[in-house]
Amino acid sequence: MLPGVPESVSKKRAKKPRIAIVGAGNLASALAVALREAGYGIEEIVSRRRPASLRLARRLASSVGASAVATAGAELRAQVVWFCVPDRAIADAANGIKEATDWTGKVVLHSSGALTSDDLATLRRCGAAVASVHPLMTFVRGSRPPLVGVPFAIEGDPGAARAARTIVLNLRGLPFVIRKRHKKVYHAWGMFLSPLFTALLSASERVAVAAGVPRSAAKERMLPILRQTLANYAALGAPQSFSGPIARGDVDTVRKHLKALRAVPEAREVYLALARSALRDLPAKNRAALEKILKR
């Protein structure tokens, strides 16, 4: 039994496959901690040999009771190997460890949103069952989001997909099937939900500055309306949450906005793109007049 781990948790962990994680970044850290809390034993944290990478791996390994090893020293005795590295590194990382173990019967996963399980084809040919398992969540330095309730898109070999579904359910996530041909547009959907939404917030701060609000104060002043908008969306959906001059058909106000935003041309482009999208997708009055001024 691991030191400091209750016997009941230790027994629970013993019934689950042990997992090795390749990578030690933001996603790997959140996943390793969540897996351990769900009763999975973490065997190894595998990283590149670079000192900075090894430091991250050792820190993460220490927090989850695992060994930290460079790629060349990985033993990969675990039944499940989970790649949590950037998309561009997945195929190379798989090639780099294909000689490390006998892959027959192992499950190998990666967590790219855009790439399919075929990027692990090297290990599939070595006898592993492979799948892509992507959490629809954002992972940044300084924040470790819980995975409870997070959707996970799963695609791959049947055995690996079944194993991944079981793991996600044990994490109390929400597994769902994604088809290979949909992975790229699925990932673009995720881009709208966090990175581009963050870009919108950054553009909003620019507009706040143009309105005489210090950028240092803009975030706090924006948060109440942002929170209420998300609450409305969660409770009512997009059409019933849509408000403001486009919903009212207030052409005069929209025209004034566009004139004022000439002082912030980058934000004006964002405004125009989103306003046109709103006219396509959401309820609005005076639609024809609004379409006319938004073409400018």
Protein backbone atom coordinates (compact mmCIF):
# COMPACT_ATOMS: atom_id res chain seq x y z
CA MET A 1 0.00 0.00 0.00
CA LEU A 2 1.28 3.50 -0.84
CA PRO A 3 2.24 5.64 2.16
CA GLY A 4 -0.57 7.94 3.25
CA VAL A 5 -3.16 6.24 1.03
CA PRO A 6 -6.11 4.61 2.84
CA GLU A 7 -6.36 0.85 2.36
CA SER A 8 -9.77 1.15 0.68
CA VAL A 9 -8.36 3.57 -1.93
CA SER A 10 -5.29 1.37 -2.41
CA LYS A 11 -7.49 -1.68 -3.11
CA LYS A 12 -9.65 0.35 -5.46
CA ARG A 13 -6.55 1.49 -7.36
CA ALA A 14 -5.23 -2.05 -7.65
CA LYS A 15 -8.32 -3.10 -9.63
CA LYS A 16 -7.67 -0.50 -12.33
CA PRO A 17 -4.98 -0.60 -15.02
CA ARG A 18 -1.83 1.32 -14.25
CA ILE A 19 -1.13 4.29 -16.48
CA ALA A 20 2.01 5.92 -17.87
CA ILE A 21 1.72 9.51 -19.05
CA VAL A 22 3.97 10.93 -21.76
CA GLY A 23 4.31 14.65 -21.13
CA ALA A 24 4.25 16.83 -18.04
CA GLY A 25 2.53 20.02 -19.16
CA ASN A 26 -0.78 21.58 -18.15
CA LEU A 27 -3.03 18.83 -19.52
CA ALA A 28 -0.78 16.02 -18.26
CA SER A 29 -0.75 17.56 -14.78
CA ALA A 30 -4.53 17.92 -14.56
CA LEU A 31 -5.06 14.43 -15.96
CA ALA A 32 -2.50 12.69 -13.74
CA VAL A 33 -3.95 14.23 -10.57
CA ALA A 34 -7.53 13.41 -11.62
CA LEU A 35 -6.58 9.83 -12.50
CA ARG A 36 -4.90 9.29 -9.15
CA GLU A 37 -7.91 10.71 -7.33
CA ALA A 38 -10.10 8.30 -9.32
CA GLY A 39 -8.07 5.35 -8.07
CA TYR A 40 -5.61 4.82 -10.93
CA GLY A 41 -1.96 4.15 -10.24
CA ILE A 42 0.39 6.34 -12.25
CA GLU A 43 3.45 4.29 -13.17
CA GLU A 44 5.67 6.77 -15.02
CA ILE A 45 5.74 10.38 -16.16
CA VAL A 46 7.80 10.34 -19.35
CA SER A 47 9.39 13.52 -20.65
CA ARG A 48 12.07 14.80 -22.97
CA ARG A 49 15.63 14.90 -21.65
CA ARG A 50 15.74 18.71 -21.52
CA PRO A 51 16.35 19.93 -17.93
CA ALA A 52 13.19 22.07 -17.88
CA SER A 53 11.06 19.14 -19.09
CA LEU A 54 12.57 16.76 -16.53
CA ARG A 55 11.95 19.26 -13.72
CA LEU A 56 8.27 19.43 -14.65
CA ALA A 57 8.10 15.63 -14.88
CA ARG A 58 9.72 15.16 -11.46
CA ARG A 59 7.39 17.66 -9.85
CA LEU A 60 4.33 15.99 -11.34
CA ALA A 61 5.61 12.48 -10.58
CA SER A 62 6.20 13.44 -6.96
CA SER A 63 2.61 14.67 -6.62
CA VAL A 64 1.07 11.44 -7.98
CA GLY A 65 3.46 8.79 -6.64
CA ALA A 66 5.05 8.00 -10.01
CA SER A 67 8.57 7.76 -11.43
CA ALA A 68 9.86 10.55 -13.67
CA VAL A 69 11.92 9.30 -16.60
CA ALA A 70 13.35 10.64 -19.83
CA THR A 71 12.10 8.99 -23.01
CA ALA A 72 15.23 6.88 -23.41
CA GLY A 73 14.81 5.41 -19.92
CA ALA A 74 11.09 4.69 -20.07
CA GLU A 75 10.11 1.09 -19.25
CA LEU A 76 6.38 1.47 -19.96
CA ARG A 77 5.19 -1.51 -17.96
CA ALA A 78 1.79 0.17 -17.50
CA GLN A 79 -1.21 -1.29 -19.30
CA VAL A 80 -2.27 2.16 -20.56
CA VAL A 81 0.08 4.75 -22.06
CA TRP A 82 -1.42 8.23 -22.49
CA PHE A 83 0.30 10.85 -24.67
CA CYS A 84 -0.28 14.41 -23.44
CA VAL A 85 2.11 16.25 -25.74
CA PRO A 86 1.54 18.92 -28.44
CA ASP A 87 -0.06 17.68 -31.65
CA ARG A 88 3.12 18.13 -33.67
CA ALA A 89 5.03 15.90 -31.24
CA ILE A 90 2.66 12.90 -31.00
CA ALA A 91 3.91 10.85 -33.96
CA ASP A 92 7.58 11.53 -33.15
CA ALA A 93 7.05 10.69 -29.48
CA ALA A 94 5.37 7.41 -30.43
CA ASN A 95 8.25 6.54 -32.74
CA GLY A 96 10.73 7.46 -30.02
CA ILE A 97 9.39 4.90 -27.54
CA LYS A 98 8.21 2.09 -29.80
CA GLU A 99 11.22 -0.06 -28.85
CA ALA A 100 10.77 0.52 -25.11
CA THR A 101 8.36 -2.33 -24.44
CA ASP A 102 6.21 -5.08 -25.89
CA TRP A 103 3.09 -3.24 -27.00
CA THR A 104 0.94 -6.31 -27.48
CA GLY A 105 -2.29 -5.91 -25.53
CA LYS A 106 -1.54 -2.38 -24.34
CA VAL A 107 -3.90 0.56 -24.76
CA VAL A 108 -2.34 3.76 -26.08
CA LEU A 109 -4.19 7.08 -26.06
CA HIS A 110 -3.46 10.63 -27.13
CA SER A 111 -5.38 13.78 -26.27
CA SER A 112 -5.24 15.84 -29.45
CA GLY A 113 -8.52 17.44 -30.41
CA ALA A 114 -7.65 17.79 -34.10
CA LEU A 115 -5.67 14.60 -34.79
CA THR A 116 -7.08 11.09 -35.03
CA SER A 117 -5.87 7.83 -33.52
CA ASP A 118 -3.97 7.21 -36.77
CA ASP A 119 -1.16 9.40 -35.43
CA LEU A 120 -0.42 6.43 -33.14
CA ALA A 121 -0.28 4.01 -36.09
CA THR A 122 3.35 3.14 -35.27
CA LEU A 123 2.25 1.62 -31.95
CA ARG A 124 -0.85 0.04 -33.48
CA ARG A 125 1.46 -1.85 -35.82
CA CYS A 126 3.42 -2.96 -32.75
CA GLY A 127 0.31 -4.59 -31.27
CA ALA A 128 -1.30 -1.81 -29.23
CA ALA A 129 -4.93 -0.74 -29.43
CA VAL A 130 -5.00 3.04 -29.95
CA ALA A 131 -7.50 5.87 -29.54
CA SER A 132 -7.73 9.64 -29.33
CA VAL A 133 -9.37 10.96 -26.15
CA HIS A 134 -9.85 14.72 -26.04
CA PRO A 135 -11.29 16.63 -23.07
CA LEU A 136 -13.33 19.65 -24.16
CA MET A 137 -11.63 21.86 -21.59
CA THR A 138 -8.96 24.54 -21.43
CA PHE A 139 -5.66 23.93 -19.63
CA VAL A 140 -3.37 26.86 -18.84
CA ARG A 141 -0.51 27.45 -16.44
CA GLY A 142 -1.72 28.47 -13.00
CA SER A 143 -5.07 26.71 -13.30
CA ARG A 144 -5.93 23.03 -12.88
CA PRO A 145 -9.58 22.53 -13.83
CA PRO A 146 -11.52 19.57 -12.44
CA LEU A 147 -12.49 16.97 -15.02
CA VAL A 148 -15.83 16.10 -13.42
CA GLY A 149 -18.58 16.79 -15.95
CA VAL A 150 -16.12 17.51 -18.77
CA PRO A 151 -17.04 16.02 -22.19
CA PHE A 152 -14.36 13.73 -23.70
CA ALA A 153 -14.44 13.01 -27.44
CA ILE A 154 -13.29 9.42 -28.11
CA GLU A 155 -12.31 7.85 -31.44
CA GLY A 156 -10.16 4.83 -32.25
CA ASP A 157 -9.82 1.06 -32.14
CA PRO A 158 -12.78 -0.62 -30.40
CA GLY A 159 -10.75 -2.05 -27.50
CA ALA A 160 -8.95 1.22 -26.83
CA ALA A 161 -12.17 3.24 -27.16
CA ARG A 162 -13.90 0.96 -24.61
CA ALA A 163 -10.99 1.29 -22.19
CA ALA A 164 -10.97 5.07 -22.66
CA ARG A 165 -14.71 5.27 -22.01
CA THR A 166 -14.30 3.37 -18.74
CA ILE A 167 -11.49 5.67 -17.65
CA VAL A 168 -13.49 8.80 -18.49
CA LEU A 169 -16.51 7.49 -16.59
CA ASN A 170 -14.27 6.83 -13.58
CA LEU A 171 -13.06 10.42 -13.84
CA ARG A 172 -16.78 11.33 -13.79
CA GLY A 173 -16.37 12.88 -17.23
CA LEU A 174 -18.84 12.57 -20.10
CA PRO A 175 -17.50 10.32 -22.89
CA PHE A 176 -18.93 10.58 -26.40
CA VAL A 177 -18.00 9.15 -29.79
CA ILE A 178 -16.44 11.38 -32.44
CA ARG A 179 -15.80 10.23 -36.02
CA LYS A 180 -12.38 10.64 -37.59
CA ARG A 181 -13.71 12.89 -40.33
CA HIS A 182 -15.17 15.26 -37.75
CA LYS A 183 -12.07 15.76 -35.60
CA LYS A 184 -10.85 18.96 -37.27
CA VAL A 185 -14.19 20.76 -37.19
CA TYR A 186 -14.77 19.45 -33.65
CA HIS A 187 -11.50 21.07 -32.61
CA ALA A 188 -12.50 24.30 -34.38
CA TRP A 189 -15.66 24.23 -32.24
CA GLY A 190 -13.45 24.07 -29.16
CA MET A 191 -11.46 27.01 -30.53
CA PHE A 192 -14.63 29.10 -30.48
CA LEU A 193 -15.39 28.07 -26.90
CA SER A 194 -12.16 29.17 -25.26
CA PRO A 195 -9.24 30.63 -27.28
CA LEU A 196 -11.39 32.79 -29.56
CA PHE A 197 -13.68 33.68 -26.68
CA THR A 198 -10.58 34.84 -24.80
CA ALA A 199 -9.57 36.84 -27.87
CA LEU A 200 -13.02 38.48 -27.80
CA LEU A 201 -12.50 39.42 -24.16
CA SER A 202 -9.11 40.91 -25.02
CA ALA A 203 -10.72 42.94 -27.84
CA SER A 204 -13.38 44.05 -25.35
CA GLU A 205 -10.63 45.40 -23.10
CA ARG A 206 -9.34 47.47 -26.04
CA VAL A 207 -12.81 48.98 -26.47
CA ALA A 208 -12.98 49.67 -22.74
CA VAL A 209 -9.74 51.66 -22.96
CA ALA A 210 -11.16 53.65 -25.90
CA ALA A 211 -14.16 54.41 -23.65
CA GLY A 212 -11.85 55.85 -20.99
CA VAL A 213 -11.79 52.79 -18.71
CA PRO A 214 -8.26 51.80 -17.61
CA ARG A 215 -7.33 48.35 -18.88
CA SER A 216 -6.45 47.37 -15.31
CA ALA A 217 -10.09 48.01 -14.29
CA ALA A 218 -11.78 46.65 -17.41
CA LYS A 219 -11.79 42.99 -16.38
CA GLU A 220 -13.52 43.53 -13.04
CA ARG A 221 -16.13 45.77 -14.66
CA MET A 222 -16.78 43.20 -17.39
CA LEU A 223 -17.19 40.17 -15.13
CA PRO A 224 -20.78 40.78 -13.87
CA ILE A 225 -22.28 41.02 -17.36
CA LEU A 226 -20.16 38.10 -18.57
CA ARG A 227 -21.32 35.91 -15.68
CA GLN A 228 -24.97 36.81 -16.26
CA THR A 229 -24.67 36.20 -20.00
CA LEU A 230 -23.27 32.71 -19.37
CA ALA A 231 -25.97 32.05 -16.76
CA ASN A 232 -28.65 33.14 -19.25
CA TYR A 233 -27.14 30.95 -21.97
CA ALA A 234 -27.00 27.95 -19.64
CA ALA A 235 -30.62 28.39 -18.55
CA LEU A 236 -32.27 29.71 -21.70
CA GLY A 237 -30.09 28.98 -24.73
CA ALA A 238 -28.68 31.44 -27.25
CA PRO A 239 -31.86 32.88 -28.86
CA GLN A 240 -33.50 33.74 -25.52
CA SER A 241 -30.23 35.16 -24.14
CA PHE A 242 -29.62 37.53 -27.05
CA SER A 243 -30.17 41.19 -26.17
CA GLY A 244 -29.01 44.65 -27.23
CA PRO A 245 -29.46 46.86 -30.28
CA ILE A 246 -29.32 44.10 -32.92
CA ALA A 247 -32.03 42.12 -31.15
CA ARG A 248 -34.11 45.31 -30.90
CA GLY A 249 -33.40 46.32 -34.49
CA ASP A 250 -31.88 49.63 -33.35
CA VAL A 251 -30.12 50.57 -36.58
CA ASP A 252 -29.17 54.05 -35.35
CA THR A 253 -27.24 52.71 -32.35
CA VAL A 254 -25.40 50.10 -34.39
CA ARG A 255 -24.42 52.82 -36.88
CA LYS A 256 -23.06 54.94 -34.01
CA HIS A 257 -21.10 51.95 -32.69
CA LEU A 258 -19.46 51.40 -36.06
CA LYS A 259 -18.52 55.07 -36.32
CA ALA A 260 -17.05 55.16 -32.81
CA LEU A 261 -15.12 51.93 -33.34
CA ARG A 262 -13.12 53.47 -36.18
CA ALA A 263 -10.84 54.52 -33.34
CA VAL A 264 -10.27 50.81 -32.57
CA PRO A 265 -10.17 49.27 -36.07
CA GLU A 266 -9.19 45.73 -34.98
CA ALA A 267 -12.11 45.62 -32.55
CA ARG A 268 -14.39 47.06 -35.23
CA GLU A 269 -13.62 44.06 -37.44
CA VAL A 270 -14.54 41.72 -34.58
CA TYR A 271 -17.78 43.65 -33.99
CA LEU A 272 -18.73 43.42 -37.68
CA ALA A 273 -17.99 39.68 -37.88
CA LEU A 274 -20.00 38.88 -34.76
CA ALA A 275 -22.87 41.21 -35.65
CA ARG A 276 -23.19 39.53 -39.07
CA SER A 277 -23.13 36.15 -37.39
CA ALA A 278 -25.84 37.29 -34.99
CA LEU A 279 -28.05 38.34 -37.90
CA ARG A 280 -27.68 34.88 -39.43
CA ASP A 281 -28.29 32.88 -36.27
CA LEU A 282 -30.25 34.92 -33.72
CA PRO A 283 -33.57 36.80 -33.52
CA ALA A 284 -33.32 40.41 -34.71
CA LYS A 285 -35.69 43.14 -35.86
CA ASN A 286 -35.08 45.43 -38.87
CA ARG A 287 -32.90 42.69 -40.31
CA ALA A 288 -32.64 44.15 -43.83
CA ALA A 289 -31.58 47.60 -42.59
CA LEU A 290 -29.02 46.07 -40.23
CA GLU A 291 -27.59 43.86 -42.99
CA LYS A 292 -27.15 46.97 -45.14
CA ILE A 293 -25.08 48.92 -42.61
CA LEU A 294 -23.07 45.86 -41.59
CA LYS A 295 -21.81 45.40 -45.15
CA ARG A 296 -19.68 48.52 -44.85
